[in-house]
C-alpha atoms as a PDB file:
ATOM      1  CA  MET A   1      -0.764   9.835  -9.156  1.00  0.00           C
ATOM      2  CA  GLU A   2      -0.002  13.285  -7.864  1.00  0.00           C
ATOM      3  CA  LEU A   3      -2.516  14.966  -5.548  1.00  0.00           C
ATOM      4  CA  TYR A   4      -2.583  18.552  -4.355  1.00  0.00           C
ATOM      5  CA  TYR A   5      -4.730  19.103  -1.275  1.00  0.00           C
ATOM      6  CA  PRO A   6      -6.512  22.469  -1.283  1.00  0.00           C
ATOM      7  CA  ASN A   7      -6.609  22.688   2.503  1.00  0.00           C
ATOM      8  CA  ASN A   8      -4.252  21.474   5.163  1.00  0.00           C
ATOM      9  CA  HIS A   9      -4.526  22.061   8.899  1.00  0.00           C
ATOM     10  CA  ASN A  10      -1.307  20.393  10.002  1.00  0.00           C
ATOM     11  CA  THR A  11       0.648  22.647  12.353  1.00  0.00           C
ATOM     12  CA  ASP A  12       4.016  21.001  11.674  1.00  0.00           C
ATOM     13  CA  PRO A  13       6.226  23.702  10.048  1.00  0.00           C
ATOM     14  CA  MET A  14       7.994  21.298   7.690  1.00  0.00           C
ATOM     15  CA  THR A  15       4.730  19.710   6.550  1.00  0.00           C
ATOM     16  CA  SER A  16       3.162  23.111   6.026  1.00  0.00           C
ATOM     17  CA  LEU A  17       6.152  24.175   3.945  1.00  0.00           C
ATOM     18  CA  MET A  18       5.935  21.045   1.793  1.00  0.00           C
ATOM     19  CA  VAL A  19       2.209  21.543   1.233  1.00  0.00           C
ATOM     20  CA  THR A  20       2.816  25.175   0.246  1.00  0.00           C
ATOM     21  CA  LEU A  21       5.511  24.160  -2.239  1.00  0.00           C
ATOM     22  CA  MET A  22       3.304  21.421  -3.718  1.00  0.00           C
ATOM     23  CA  ARG A  23       0.409  23.857  -4.050  1.00  0.00           C
ATOM     24  CA  SER A  24       2.662  26.400  -5.760  1.00  0.00           C
ATOM     25  CA  ALA A  25       4.022  23.776  -8.131  1.00  0.00           C
ATOM     26  CA  GLY A  26       0.499  22.705  -8.944  1.00  0.00           C
ATOM     27  CA  LYS A  27      -0.542  26.263  -9.750  1.00  0.00           C
ATOM     28  CA  THR A  28       2.482  26.703 -12.001  1.00  0.00           C
ATOM     29  CA  CYS A  29       1.744  23.494 -13.895  1.00  0.00           C
ATOM     30  CA  ARG A  30      -1.926  24.380 -14.275  1.00  0.00           C
ATOM     31  CA  ARG A  31      -0.995  27.792 -15.573  1.00  0.00           C
ATOM     32  CA  TRP A  32       1.016  26.232 -18.360  1.00  0.00           C
ATOM     33  CA  ARG A  33      -0.976  23.081 -19.085  1.00  0.00           C
ATOM     34  CA  SER A  34      -4.309  23.101 -17.294  1.00  0.00           C
ATOM     35  CA  GLU A  35      -5.607  20.528 -19.793  1.00  0.00           C
ATOM     36  CA  THR A  36      -3.546  17.798 -18.134  1.00  0.00           C
ATOM     37  CA  TYR A  37      -5.004  18.324 -14.634  1.00  0.00           C
ATOM     38  CA  PHE A  38      -8.277  16.988 -13.266  1.00  0.00           C
ATOM     39  CA  SER A  39     -10.154  18.743 -10.472  1.00  0.00           C
ATOM     40  CA  PHE A  40     -12.147  16.736  -7.944  1.00  0.00           C
ATOM     41  CA  ARG A  41     -13.773  17.453  -4.606  1.00  0.00           C
ATOM     42  CA  VAL A  42     -10.861  15.773  -2.828  1.00  0.00           C
ATOM     43  CA  GLY A  43      -8.239  17.812  -4.678  1.00  0.00           C
ATOM     44  CA  GLU A  44      -6.547  17.899  -8.048  1.00  0.00           C
ATOM     45  CA  ALA A  45      -4.807  14.955  -9.687  1.00  0.00           C
ATOM     46  CA  THR A  46      -2.642  14.355 -12.717  1.00  0.00           C
ATOM     47  CA  ILE A  47      -0.836  11.419 -14.288  1.00  0.00           C
ATOM     48  CA  THR A  48       2.869  11.177 -13.523  1.00  0.00           C
ATOM     49  CA  LEU A  49       5.820   9.137 -14.719  1.00  0.00           C
ATOM     50  CA  GLN A  50       5.556   7.042 -11.578  1.00  0.00           C
ATOM     51  CA  ASP A  51       2.020   6.036 -12.550  1.00  0.00           C
ATOM     52  CA  VAL A  52       3.186   4.889 -15.983  1.00  0.00           C
ATOM     53  CA  GLN A  53       6.046   2.934 -14.459  1.00  0.00           C
ATOM     54  CA  VAL A  54       3.986   1.270 -11.738  1.00  0.00           C
ATOM     55  CA  ILE A  55       0.867   0.486 -13.788  1.00  0.00           C
ATOM     56  CA  TRP A  56       2.524  -0.649 -17.015  1.00  0.00           C
ATOM     57  CA  GLY A  57       6.081  -1.416 -15.913  1.00  0.00           C
ATOM     58  CA  LEU A  58       7.597   0.809 -18.600  1.00  0.00           C
ATOM     59  CA  PRO A  59      11.090   2.273 -18.101  1.00  0.00           C
ATOM     60  CA  ILE A  60      11.173   6.007 -17.396  1.00  0.00           C
ATOM     61  CA  ASP A  61      14.957   6.342 -17.628  1.00  0.00           C
ATOM     62  CA  GLY A  62      17.097   5.973 -20.714  1.00  0.00           C
ATOM     63  CA  LYS A  63      17.303   7.359 -24.214  1.00  0.00           C
ATOM     64  CA  ARG A  64      14.543   9.626 -25.464  1.00  0.00           C
ATOM     65  CA  VAL A  65      12.102   8.290 -28.042  1.00  0.00           C
ATOM     66  CA  SER A  66      12.250  10.733 -30.945  1.00  0.00           C
ATOM     67  CA  GLY A  67      12.637  10.678 -34.687  1.00  0.00           C
ATOM     68  CA  THR A  68      12.034  12.346 -38.024  1.00  0.00           C
ATOM     69  CA  ASP A  69       9.210  11.535 -40.407  1.00  0.00           C
ATOM     70  CA  LEU A  70      11.160  10.226 -43.400  1.00  0.00           C
ATOM     71  CA  GLU A  71       9.817  10.698 -46.890  1.00  0.00           C
ATOM     72  CA  ARG A  72       9.558   7.232 -48.408  1.00  0.00           C
ATOM     73  CA  THR A  73       7.473   5.924 -51.256  1.00  0.00           C
ATOM     74  CA  THR A  74       4.883   3.220 -50.706  1.00  0.00           C
ATOM     75  CA  VAL A  75       7.203   0.625 -52.218  1.00  0.00           C
ATOM     76  CA  GLN A  76      10.017   1.693 -49.906  1.00  0.00           C
ATOM     77  CA  TRP A  77       7.761   1.376 -46.859  1.00  0.00           C
ATOM     78  CA  GLN A  78       6.666  -2.074 -48.041  1.00  0.00           C
ATOM     79  CA  GLU A  79      10.300  -3.160 -48.339  1.00  0.00           C
ATOM     80  CA  TYR A  80      11.044  -1.671 -44.914  1.00  0.00           C
ATOM     81  CA  CYS A  81       8.162  -3.603 -43.341  1.00  0.00           C
ATOM     82  CA  MET A  82       9.265  -6.820 -45.024  1.00  0.00           C
ATOM     83  CA  GLN A  83      12.770  -6.429 -43.634  1.00  0.00           C
ATOM     84  CA  TYR A  84      11.892  -5.584 -40.034  1.00  0.00           C
ATOM     85  CA  ILE A  85       8.399  -6.923 -39.246  1.00  0.00           C
ATOM     86  CA  GLY A  86       8.252  -9.810 -41.697  1.00  0.00           C
ATOM     87  CA  PHE A  87       5.586  -8.848 -44.212  1.00  0.00           C
ATOM     88  CA  ALA A  88       4.920  -6.325 -46.963  1.00  0.00           C
ATOM     89  CA  PRO A  89       1.525  -4.670 -46.393  1.00  0.00           C
ATOM     90  CA  GLU A  90      -0.774  -3.951 -49.279  1.00  0.00           C
ATOM     91  CA  GLU A  91      -0.750  -0.472 -50.739  1.00  0.00           C
ATOM     92  CA  GLY A  92      -4.186   0.293 -49.300  1.00  0.00           C
ATOM     93  CA  ALA A  93      -2.981  -0.532 -45.773  1.00  0.00           C
ATOM     94  CA  LEU A  94      -0.388   2.253 -45.855  1.00  0.00           C
ATOM     95  CA  LYS A  95      -1.107   5.926 -45.349  1.00  0.00           C
ATOM     96  CA  GLY A  96       2.175   7.753 -45.653  1.00  0.00           C
ATOM     97  CA  SER A  97       4.360   6.536 -42.810  1.00  0.00           C
ATOM     98  CA  ARG A  98       1.423   4.940 -40.969  1.00  0.00           C
ATOM     99  CA  LEU A  99       0.173   1.380 -41.216  1.00  0.00           C
ATOM    100  CA  GLN A 100      -3.277   0.008 -40.497  1.00  0.00           C
ATOM    101  CA  VAL A 101      -3.511  -1.873 -37.208  1.00  0.00           C
ATOM    102  CA  LYS A 102      -5.632  -4.634 -38.748  1.00  0.00           C
ATOM    103  CA  ALA A 103      -2.814  -5.413 -41.193  1.00  0.00           C
ATOM    104  CA  ILE A 104      -0.461  -6.060 -38.267  1.00  0.00           C
ATOM    105  CA  ILE A 105      -3.059  -8.199 -36.497  1.00  0.00           C
ATOM    106  CA  SER A 106      -3.632 -10.290 -39.630  1.00  0.00           C
ATOM    107  CA  HIS A 107       0.099 -10.888 -39.969  1.00  0.00           C
ATOM    108  CA  ILE A 108       0.501 -11.886 -36.314  1.00  0.00           C
ATOM    109  CA  GLU A 109      -2.378 -14.345 -36.596  1.00  0.00           C
ATOM    110  CA  ARG A 110      -0.733 -16.041 -39.585  1.00  0.00           C
ATOM    111  CA  VAL A 111       2.617 -16.568 -37.846  1.00  0.00           C
ATOM    112  CA  HIS A 112       3.023 -19.541 -35.508  1.00  0.00           C
ATOM    113  CA  ILE A 113       6.118 -19.512 -33.329  1.00  0.00           C
ATOM    114  CA  THR A 114       7.570 -22.933 -32.501  1.00  0.00           C
ATOM    115  CA  PRO A 115      10.916 -24.099 -31.071  1.00  0.00           C
ATOM    116  CA  ASP A 116      12.058 -24.657 -34.665  1.00  0.00           C
ATOM    117  CA  THR A 117      11.138 -21.172 -35.903  1.00  0.00           C
ATOM    118  CA  PRO A 118      14.159 -19.279 -37.326  1.00  0.00           C
ATOM    119  CA  HIS A 119      15.587 -16.579 -35.099  1.00  0.00           C
ATOM    120  CA  LEU A 120      14.976 -13.876 -37.719  1.00  0.00           C
ATOM    121  CA  THR A 121      11.281 -14.741 -37.880  1.00  0.00           C
ATOM    122  CA  VAL A 122      10.997 -14.613 -34.086  1.00  0.00           C
ATOM    123  CA  VAL A 123      12.632 -11.178 -33.964  1.00  0.00           C
ATOM    124  CA  GLN A 124      10.392  -9.858 -36.744  1.00  0.00           C
ATOM    125  CA  TYR A 125       7.367 -11.244 -34.909  1.00  0.00           C
ATOM    126  CA  ALA A 126       8.488  -9.515 -31.694  1.00  0.00           C
ATOM    127  CA  ARG A 127       8.799  -6.196 -33.530  1.00  0.00           C
ATOM    128  CA  ALA A 128       5.312  -6.598 -34.986  1.00  0.00           C
ATOM    129  CA  VAL A 129       3.830  -7.292 -31.535  1.00  0.00           C
ATOM    130  CA  ALA A 130       5.679  -4.315 -30.037  1.00  0.00           C
ATOM    131  CA  LEU A 131       4.457  -2.102 -32.879  1.00  0.00           C
ATOM    132  CA  LEU A 132       0.895  -3.254 -32.242  1.00  0.00           C
ATOM    133  CA  LEU A 133       1.212  -2.435 -28.532  1.00  0.00           C
ATOM    134  CA  LEU A 134       2.614   1.007 -29.316  1.00  0.00           C
ATOM    135  CA  GLY A 135      -0.026   1.901 -31.866  1.00  0.00           C
ATOM    136  CA  GLY A 136      -2.959   0.184 -30.206  1.00  0.00           C
ATOM    137  CA  THR A 137      -2.433   0.715 -26.472  1.00  0.00           C
ATOM    138  CA  MET A 138       0.478   2.927 -25.431  1.00  0.00           C
ATOM    139  CA  CYS A 139       0.524   5.670 -28.097  1.00  0.00           C
ATOM    140  CA  PRO A 140      -2.604   5.334 -30.236  1.00  0.00           C
ATOM    141  CA  ASP A 141      -3.567   8.333 -32.341  1.00  0.00           C
ATOM    142  CA  SER A 142      -7.093   9.633 -32.835  1.00  0.00           C
ATOM    143  CA  SER A 143      -7.565   7.566 -36.007  1.00  0.00           C
ATOM    144  CA  GLU A 144      -7.861   4.399 -33.861  1.00  0.00           C
ATOM    145  CA  ASN A 145      -6.676   2.314 -36.819  1.00  0.00           C
ATOM    146  CA  LEU A 146      -3.214   3.575 -37.801  1.00  0.00           C
ATOM    147  CA  VAL A 147       0.202   3.207 -36.187  1.00  0.00           C
ATOM    148  CA  SER A 148       3.328   5.113 -37.106  1.00  0.00           C
ATOM    149  CA  LEU A 149       6.095   3.024 -38.632  1.00  0.00           C
ATOM    150  CA  LEU A 150       8.629   5.442 -37.157  1.00  0.00           C
ATOM    151  CA  TYR A 151       8.546   3.334 -33.979  1.00  0.00           C
ATOM    152  CA  VAL A 152      10.145   0.494 -35.909  1.00  0.00           C
ATOM    153  CA  ALA A 153      13.354   2.538 -36.102  1.00  0.00           C
ATOM    154  CA  LYS A 154      13.654   2.173 -32.307  1.00  0.00           C
ATOM    155  CA  LEU A 155      13.026  -1.573 -32.624  1.00  0.00           C
ATOM    156  CA  GLU A 156      15.576  -2.360 -35.313  1.00  0.00           C
ATOM    157  CA  ASP A 157      17.961  -3.473 -32.569  1.00  0.00           C
ATOM    158  CA  ILE A 158      15.487  -5.459 -30.539  1.00  0.00           C
ATOM    159  CA  VAL A 159      17.935  -5.862 -27.635  1.00  0.00           C
ATOM    160  CA  ALA A 160      18.736  -2.142 -27.407  1.00  0.00           C
ATOM    161  CA  ALA A 161      15.005  -1.273 -27.423  1.00  0.00           C
ATOM    162  CA  ARG A 162      14.961  -1.713 -23.644  1.00  0.00           C
ATOM    163  CA  ASN A 163      17.320   1.252 -23.280  1.00  0.00           C
ATOM    164  CA  TYR A 164      14.675   3.788 -24.336  1.00  0.00           C
ATOM    165  CA  SER A 165      12.455   5.712 -21.937  1.00  0.00           C
ATOM    166  CA  TRP A 166       9.168   4.357 -23.233  1.00  0.00           C
ATOM    167  CA  GLY A 167       7.288   5.544 -20.162  1.00  0.00           C
ATOM    168  CA  SER A 168       8.288   9.158 -20.845  1.00  0.00           C
ATOM    169  CA  ALA A 169       7.174   8.801 -24.460  1.00  0.00           C
ATOM    170  CA  VAL A 170       3.782   7.423 -23.436  1.00  0.00           C
ATOM    171  CA  LEU A 171       3.174  10.234 -20.931  1.00  0.00           C
ATOM    172  CA  ALA A 172       4.333  12.955 -23.336  1.00  0.00           C
ATOM    173  CA  PHE A 173       2.117  11.551 -26.081  1.00  0.00           C
ATOM    174  CA  LEU A 174      -0.890  11.470 -23.742  1.00  0.00           C
ATOM    175  CA  TYR A 175      -0.287  15.043 -22.563  1.00  0.00           C
ATOM    176  CA  ARG A 176      -0.099  16.252 -26.159  1.00  0.00           C
ATOM    177  CA  GLU A 177      -3.350  14.483 -27.026  1.00  0.00           C
ATOM    178  CA  LEU A 178      -5.087  15.982 -23.976  1.00  0.00           C
ATOM    179  CA  CYS A 179      -3.942  19.449 -24.986  1.00  0.00           C
ATOM    180  CA  ASN A 180      -4.972  18.980 -28.623  1.00  0.00           C
ATOM    181  CA  ALA A 181      -8.380  17.595 -27.636  1.00  0.00           C
ATOM    182  CA  SER A 182      -9.120  20.721 -25.565  1.00  0.00           C
ATOM    183  CA  GLU A 183      -8.974  22.937 -28.659  1.00  0.00           C
ATOM    184  CA  LYS A 184     -12.162  24.147 -30.258  1.00  0.00           C
ATOM    185  CA  GLY A 185     -13.534  21.913 -32.967  1.00  0.00           C
ATOM    186  CA  LYS A 186     -11.736  18.740 -31.846  1.00  0.00           C
ATOM    187  CA  ALA A 187     -13.936  15.663 -31.777  1.00  0.00           C
ATOM    188  CA  ALA A 188     -11.406  12.864 -31.204  1.00  0.00           C
ATOM    189  CA  ILE A 189      -8.590  12.075 -28.827  1.00  0.00           C
ATOM    190  CA  GLY A 190      -5.745   9.581 -28.725  1.00  0.00           C
ATOM    191  CA  GLY A 191      -3.149   8.548 -26.196  1.00  0.00           C
ATOM    192  CA  ALA A 192      -3.164   6.048 -23.350  1.00  0.00           C
ATOM    193  CA  LEU A 193      -6.629   6.861 -22.062  1.00  0.00           C
ATOM    194  CA  GLN A 194      -6.469   3.855 -19.735  1.00  0.00           C
ATOM    195  CA  LEU A 195      -4.244   5.993 -17.517  1.00  0.00           C
ATOM    196  CA  VAL A 196      -6.894   8.707 -17.467  1.00  0.00           C
ATOM    197  CA  GLN A 197      -9.458   6.103 -16.417  1.00  0.00           C
ATOM    198  CA  VAL A 198      -7.231   5.199 -13.477  1.00  0.00           C
ATOM    199  CA  VAL A 199      -7.382   8.808 -12.287  1.00  0.00           C
ATOM    200  CA  LEU A 200     -11.162   8.893 -12.635  1.00  0.00           C
ATOM    201  CA  VAL A 201     -11.639   5.581 -10.807  1.00  0.00           C
ATOM    202  CA  TRP A 202      -9.291   6.724  -8.038  1.00  0.00           C
ATOM    203  CA  ALA A 203     -11.187   9.987  -7.622  1.00  0.00           C
ATOM    204  CA  ARG A 204     -14.517   8.171  -7.533  1.00  0.00           C
ATOM    205  CA  SER A 205     -13.302   5.669  -4.941  1.00  0.00           C
ATOM    206  CA  SER A 206     -11.870   8.489  -2.803  1.00  0.00           C
ATOM    207  CA  GLN A 207     -15.309  10.083  -2.576  1.00  0.00           C
ATOM    208  CA  THR A 208     -17.220   6.867  -1.924  1.00  0.00           C
ATOM    209  CA  THR A 209     -19.086   6.440   1.344  1.00  0.00           C
ATOM    210  CA  TRP A 210     -19.335   2.727   2.106  1.00  0.00           C
ATOM    211  CA  ILE A 211     -22.851   1.640   3.110  1.00  0.00           C
ATOM    212  CA  CYS A 212     -21.580  -1.635   4.583  1.00  0.00           C
ATOM    213  CA  PRO A 213     -18.048  -1.188   5.979  1.00  0.00           C
ATOM    214  CA  MET A 214     -15.725  -4.161   6.420  1.00  0.00           C
ATOM    215  CA  LEU A 215     -15.855  -5.781   9.835  1.00  0.00           C
ATOM    216  CA  PRO A 216     -12.632  -6.292  11.807  1.00  0.00           C
ATOM    217  CA  GLY A 217     -11.347  -9.766  12.496  1.00  0.00           C
ATOM    218  CA  PRO A 218     -10.838 -12.931  10.447  1.00  0.00           C
ATOM    219  CA  PRO A 219     -13.227 -13.787   7.578  1.00  0.00           C
ATOM    220  CA  LEU A 220     -16.337 -15.778   8.401  1.00  0.00           C
ATOM    221  CA  LEU A 221     -15.395 -18.464   5.866  1.00  0.00           C
ATOM    222  CA  PRO A 222     -11.810 -19.640   5.301  1.00  0.00           C
ATOM    223  CA  LEU A 223     -10.398 -18.576   1.986  1.00  0.00           C
ATOM    224  CA  HIS A 224      -8.589 -21.872   1.513  1.00  0.00           C
ATOM    225  CA  GLN A 225      -9.581 -25.325   2.633  1.00  0.00           C
ATOM    226  CA  PRO A 226      -6.595 -27.543   3.469  1.00  0.00           C
ATOM    227  CA  PRO A 227      -6.595 -30.914   1.650  1.00  0.00           C
END
């Protein structure tokens, strides 16, 4: 989480220079995308790649996550889903290149992985779980019930999927949703809003005045009783 302090009274020249540069960088970023910054009494904060990496453990280095929305018929998407995630969704569960989240959940609940499960089934199951995480947690859209099947293209080689910068994709998706939600007439927002909640909780805890501060010294009761 990146914080820009509005005031600094440190007399160290190097520290003062760093604070000035950080403040200037903050003003530049706010000038371009003020929707992605949050102002609090303790300063201004935004979500960074480091936050995504530390909180969720997602890689921030590697290949970029990008693609083109291919024009496929419903039957072609059903065949594509059967090949890579192990089931052909019903026609009503598809909306263009997007699939209903509940269809993925129903499929996952029907599959039981055992030591004797074929390797292909395990890989298809892993893709379905990853698709559910992408569409339900990391990059959910404002529909709250649809996930883009374009992510499956990055999961076709399940081993090479680790080489993509998923953390960058999550942050870019969230920034775009924050910008879109700030427009007039918008009533919904998508993206990894859990990361936004982290910023809000951090800001609230930074302004909290503890009524009963912690006392120094060992705890009154031992945390672990030896056998």
